Protein backbone atom coordinates (compact mmCIF):
# COMPACT_ATOMS: atom_id res chain seq x y z
CA MET A 1 -0.10 -0.10 -0.01
CA PHE A 2 2.60 2.67 1.11
CA ALA A 3 4.63 1.56 -2.35
CA ARG A 4 1.41 2.47 -4.22
CA TRP A 5 1.14 5.81 -2.31
CA ASN A 6 4.68 6.61 -3.00
CA ARG A 7 4.34 6.15 -6.77
CA MET A 8 1.16 7.81 -6.97
CA ALA A 9 2.52 10.97 -5.07
CA LYS A 10 6.02 10.55 -7.39
CA GLN A 11 3.63 10.64 -10.24
CA PHE A 12 1.27 13.68 -9.01
CA ALA A 13 4.46 16.00 -8.39
CA LYS A 14 5.95 14.66 -11.95
CA ILE A 15 2.52 16.06 -13.39
CA GLY A 16 2.65 19.05 -11.09
CA LYS A 17 6.24 20.24 -12.69
CA ASP A 18 4.90 19.46 -16.57
CA ILE A 19 2.03 21.86 -15.77
CA THR A 20 4.31 24.47 -14.52
CA ILE A 21 6.68 23.96 -17.36
CA ALA A 22 3.41 24.13 -19.87
CA VAL A 23 1.91 26.91 -18.30
CA ARG A 24 4.80 29.50 -18.26
CA ALA A 25 5.56 28.57 -21.58
CA GLY A 26 1.97 28.89 -22.98
CA GLY A 27 -0.39 30.25 -20.46
CA SER A 28 -3.11 28.58 -18.39
CA ASP A 29 -5.69 28.07 -21.04
CA PRO A 30 -5.77 24.69 -22.16
CA THR A 31 -7.82 25.38 -25.29
CA SER A 32 -4.91 27.53 -26.66
CA ASN A 33 -1.99 25.77 -25.03
CA PRO A 34 -1.64 22.24 -26.75
CA ALA A 35 1.05 21.41 -24.03
CA LEU A 36 -1.21 21.70 -21.19
CA ARG A 37 -3.79 19.82 -22.83
CA ARG A 38 -1.26 17.02 -23.38
CA VAL A 39 -0.42 17.26 -19.50
CA ILE A 40 -3.84 17.24 -18.28
CA GLN A 41 -4.47 14.19 -20.44
CA ASN A 42 -1.65 12.55 -18.88
CA ALA A 43 -2.77 13.53 -14.91
CA ARG A 44 -6.03 12.06 -16.26
CA SER A 45 -4.59 8.79 -17.07
CA ILE A 46 -3.06 8.35 -13.51
CA ASN A 47 -6.14 9.56 -12.01
CA MET A 48 -4.96 12.73 -10.51
CA PRO A 49 -7.75 14.53 -9.13
CA LYS A 50 -9.35 17.16 -10.94
CA ASP A 51 -8.97 19.80 -7.97
CA LYS A 52 -5.39 18.93 -7.66
CA VAL A 53 -4.85 19.82 -11.38
CA GLU A 54 -6.51 22.80 -11.16
CA ALA A 55 -4.97 23.94 -8.05
CA ALA A 56 -1.36 23.26 -9.95
CA ILE A 57 -2.36 25.47 -13.19
CA ARG A 58 -3.49 28.05 -10.20
CA ARG A 59 0.19 27.92 -8.74
CA ALA A 60 1.95 27.82 -12.11
CA SER A 61 0.20 31.03 -12.93
CA GLY A 62 1.29 33.00 -9.88
CA ALA A 63 4.16 35.28 -9.78
CA ASP A 64 5.93 33.26 -7.05
CA ALA A 65 5.80 29.89 -9.19
CA LYS A 66 9.06 28.31 -9.48
CA ASN A 67 11.09 28.13 -12.94
CA TYR A 68 11.74 24.62 -13.75
CA GLU A 69 14.65 23.81 -16.32
CA ILE A 70 14.55 20.69 -18.42
CA VAL A 71 18.13 18.86 -17.91
CA ILE A 72 18.82 15.91 -19.67
CA TYR A 73 21.77 13.75 -18.34
CA GLU A 74 23.08 10.53 -20.12
CA GLY A 75 24.92 7.57 -18.92
CA TYR A 76 25.61 4.07 -18.40
CA ALA A 77 24.09 1.62 -15.96
CA PRO A 78 25.95 -1.79 -14.79
CA HIS A 79 26.82 -4.14 -18.11
CA GLY A 80 26.85 -1.27 -20.48
CA VAL A 81 23.14 -0.26 -20.31
CA ALA A 82 22.49 3.05 -21.91
CA VAL A 83 20.72 5.46 -19.86
CA ILE A 84 19.05 9.05 -20.17
CA VAL A 85 17.75 10.87 -17.21
CA GLU A 86 15.00 13.34 -18.10
CA THR A 87 15.08 16.03 -15.26
CA ALA A 88 13.23 19.29 -14.27
CA THR A 89 14.97 21.59 -11.73
CA ASP A 90 15.18 24.75 -10.10
CA ASN A 91 18.73 23.62 -9.11
CA THR A 92 20.91 22.31 -11.50
CA ASN A 93 23.89 22.19 -8.89
CA ARG A 94 21.61 19.94 -6.77
CA THR A 95 20.20 17.70 -9.60
CA VAL A 96 23.57 16.72 -11.38
CA ALA A 97 25.44 15.95 -7.77
CA ASN A 98 22.46 13.67 -6.93
CA VAL A 99 22.43 12.16 -10.20
CA ARG A 100 26.01 11.52 -10.40
CA SER A 101 26.14 10.12 -6.65
CA ILE A 102 23.58 7.36 -7.91
CA PHE A 103 25.15 6.16 -10.76
CA SER A 104 28.46 6.05 -9.00
CA LYS A 105 26.85 4.30 -5.69
CA TYR A 106 25.42 1.72 -8.07
CA GLY A 107 27.80 0.75 -10.49
CA GLY A 108 27.21 2.97 -13.35
CA ASN A 109 29.03 6.24 -14.57
CA LEU A 110 27.73 9.79 -15.48
CA GLY A 111 28.56 10.51 -19.29
CA THR A 112 28.61 13.81 -21.08
CA THR A 113 25.98 15.32 -23.74
CA GLY A 114 25.69 12.88 -26.69
CA SER A 115 27.33 9.75 -25.13
CA VAL A 116 24.57 7.49 -25.39
CA GLU A 117 21.72 9.52 -27.01
CA PHE A 118 22.94 8.07 -30.29
CA GLN A 119 21.52 4.54 -28.85
CA PHE A 120 17.86 5.96 -28.77
CA LYS A 121 15.08 7.99 -31.27
CA ARG A 122 13.23 11.13 -29.47
CA MET A 123 9.49 9.98 -30.51
CA GLY A 124 6.36 11.15 -29.50
CA VAL A 125 4.10 8.20 -27.76
CA PHE A 126 0.30 8.34 -27.71
CA ARG A 127 -1.60 5.54 -25.96
CA LEU A 128 -5.16 5.11 -27.10
CA ASN A 129 -7.90 3.50 -25.91
CA PRO A 130 -8.75 0.91 -28.69
CA ALA A 131 -12.38 0.72 -27.99
CA GLY A 132 -14.58 2.09 -30.99
CA ILE A 133 -11.45 2.42 -32.78
CA ASP A 134 -10.95 0.79 -36.28
CA SER A 135 -6.83 0.40 -36.11
CA ASP A 136 -6.52 -0.21 -39.65
CA ASP A 137 -8.45 3.10 -40.69
CA LEU A 138 -6.46 5.05 -38.02
CA GLU A 139 -3.18 3.93 -39.27
CA LEU A 140 -3.80 4.79 -42.65
CA PHE A 141 -5.25 8.22 -41.88
CA LEU A 142 -2.11 8.86 -39.50
CA MET A 143 0.41 8.06 -41.98
CA ASP A 144 -0.21 11.33 -43.68
CA HIS A 145 0.42 13.11 -40.41
CA GLY A 146 3.80 11.41 -39.54
CA LEU A 147 2.90 8.07 -38.02
CA GLU A 148 6.13 6.11 -37.90
CA GLU A 149 4.61 2.84 -35.98
CA MET A 150 1.53 1.95 -34.40
CA GLY A 151 0.53 -1.36 -32.45
CA GLU A 152 -1.22 -3.07 -29.72
CA SER A 153 0.14 -2.97 -26.10
CA SER A 154 -1.54 -3.09 -22.37
CA GLY A 155 -1.28 -0.81 -19.60
CA GLU A 156 -0.06 -1.04 -16.10
CA SER A 157 -3.13 -3.02 -15.48
CA GLY A 158 -3.38 -5.29 -18.20
CA GLU A 159 -5.65 -3.21 -20.09
CA PRO A 160 -5.65 -3.42 -23.55
CA GLN A 161 -4.00 -0.05 -25.59
CA LEU A 162 -3.24 1.27 -29.05
CA VAL A 163 0.26 2.82 -28.96
CA VAL A 164 1.21 5.26 -31.95
CA ARG A 165 4.48 6.70 -32.34
CA CYS A 166 5.83 9.48 -34.43
CA LEU A 167 9.27 11.23 -34.50
CA PHE A 168 9.40 14.18 -32.20
CA GLU A 169 9.33 16.84 -35.07
CA ASP A 170 5.89 15.41 -36.27
CA PHE A 171 4.45 14.99 -32.51
CA GLY A 172 2.33 18.40 -32.91
CA ASP A 173 0.98 17.26 -36.38
CA VAL A 174 -0.20 13.62 -35.22
CA GLN A 175 -1.68 15.26 -31.63
CA LYS A 176 -4.03 17.84 -34.03
CA ALA A 177 -5.12 14.66 -36.35
CA LEU A 178 -6.22 12.57 -33.33
CA GLU A 179 -8.34 15.92 -32.05
CA ASP A 180 -9.79 15.90 -35.21
CA ARG A 181 -10.65 12.48 -35.21
CA GLY A 182 -12.16 12.75 -31.79
CA ILE A 183 -9.66 10.77 -30.42
CA GLU A 184 -8.66 11.80 -26.59
CA PRO A 185 -5.27 9.88 -26.05
CA ILE A 186 -4.94 8.18 -22.55
CA SER A 187 -1.51 9.52 -22.47
CA ALA A 188 0.80 11.70 -24.80
CA GLU A 189 4.43 11.82 -23.99
CA VAL A 190 7.77 12.47 -25.87
CA GLU A 191 9.93 9.51 -24.87
CA TYR A 192 13.49 8.40 -25.80
CA VAL A 193 12.89 5.24 -27.62
CA CYS A 194 15.98 2.35 -27.60
CA VAL A 195 16.89 1.46 -30.94
CA THR A 196 18.77 -1.84 -29.86
CA PRO A 197 17.77 -3.57 -26.66
CA THR A 198 20.51 -4.70 -24.12
CA GLU A 199 19.71 -8.32 -23.66
CA LEU A 200 21.24 -9.39 -20.01
CA PRO A 201 21.35 -12.35 -17.89
CA GLU A 202 18.70 -11.95 -14.76
CA ALA A 203 21.48 -10.68 -12.29
CA GLU A 204 22.66 -8.57 -14.45
CA ALA A 205 19.51 -6.80 -15.86
CA THR A 206 18.42 -6.88 -11.76
CA GLU A 207 21.88 -4.98 -11.11
CA ALA A 208 21.22 -2.47 -13.71
CA LEU A 209 17.17 -1.66 -12.97
CA GLU A 210 18.35 -1.05 -9.69
CA LEU A 211 20.22 1.77 -10.65
CA ILE A 212 17.51 3.04 -12.64
CA ASP A 213 14.89 2.56 -9.50
CA LYS A 214 16.93 4.77 -7.72
CA LEU A 215 17.03 7.49 -10.64
CA GLU A 216 13.35 7.27 -10.84
CA GLN A 217 12.95 7.88 -7.00
CA ASP A 218 14.86 11.11 -6.81
CA GLU A 219 12.69 14.11 -6.77
CA ASP A 220 14.23 16.19 -9.47
CA VAL A 221 14.03 13.60 -12.08
CA GLN A 222 10.78 13.19 -14.10
CA ARG A 223 11.59 10.04 -16.56
CA VAL A 224 14.25 7.69 -17.03
CA PHE A 225 14.69 5.84 -20.23
CA HIS A 226 17.05 2.72 -20.76
CA THR A 227 17.79 -0.31 -22.99
CA VAL A 228 17.50 -3.17 -21.01
CA ALA A 229 15.14 -5.53 -23.00
């Protein structure tokens, strides 16, 4: 129970930072701020209460709202696993020190910019509820708007999902195309998708994933991407 609450608190904090960044960049009206619309969709996908979302928007609109900077770190976990760490921070000195410490303590090493990014593709990833969707028809439609790949997957509770991926540059076009079709994604994110997954024995994979888990627990870390298969 406590692990679930901790995970939920971390997810809510992440969304809160995403809301602040979106509001500071494009205003507090989701109808005219597609980035904020996307974050609100993502808040719904993790069952973040509406009043918490609205409170976060109000805080982000205030004069004393924090200015978060998105900073990307790259490095290696044990056994050659490439890792990209996306942070949102108001204190880069604190954040880089924490990230470097975690890499070092758990057998990895923090790299320089570009040291592992070539092993990933930066993509827009939309997760959809397949109910009522003709996937073949949607796939043909989205091909004209930047679709790279589309396939079936499942959510955290095993519920069926359709996953739509596009290049980062086409994120806005695919988002608008889905809106034009009246399809509201379960979530819409920009992700680093690994090109070639790293196959590891279970014991080695566990060591790499321990470092990744510790990174994900850091308060400044938004998301962690890796190459573990």
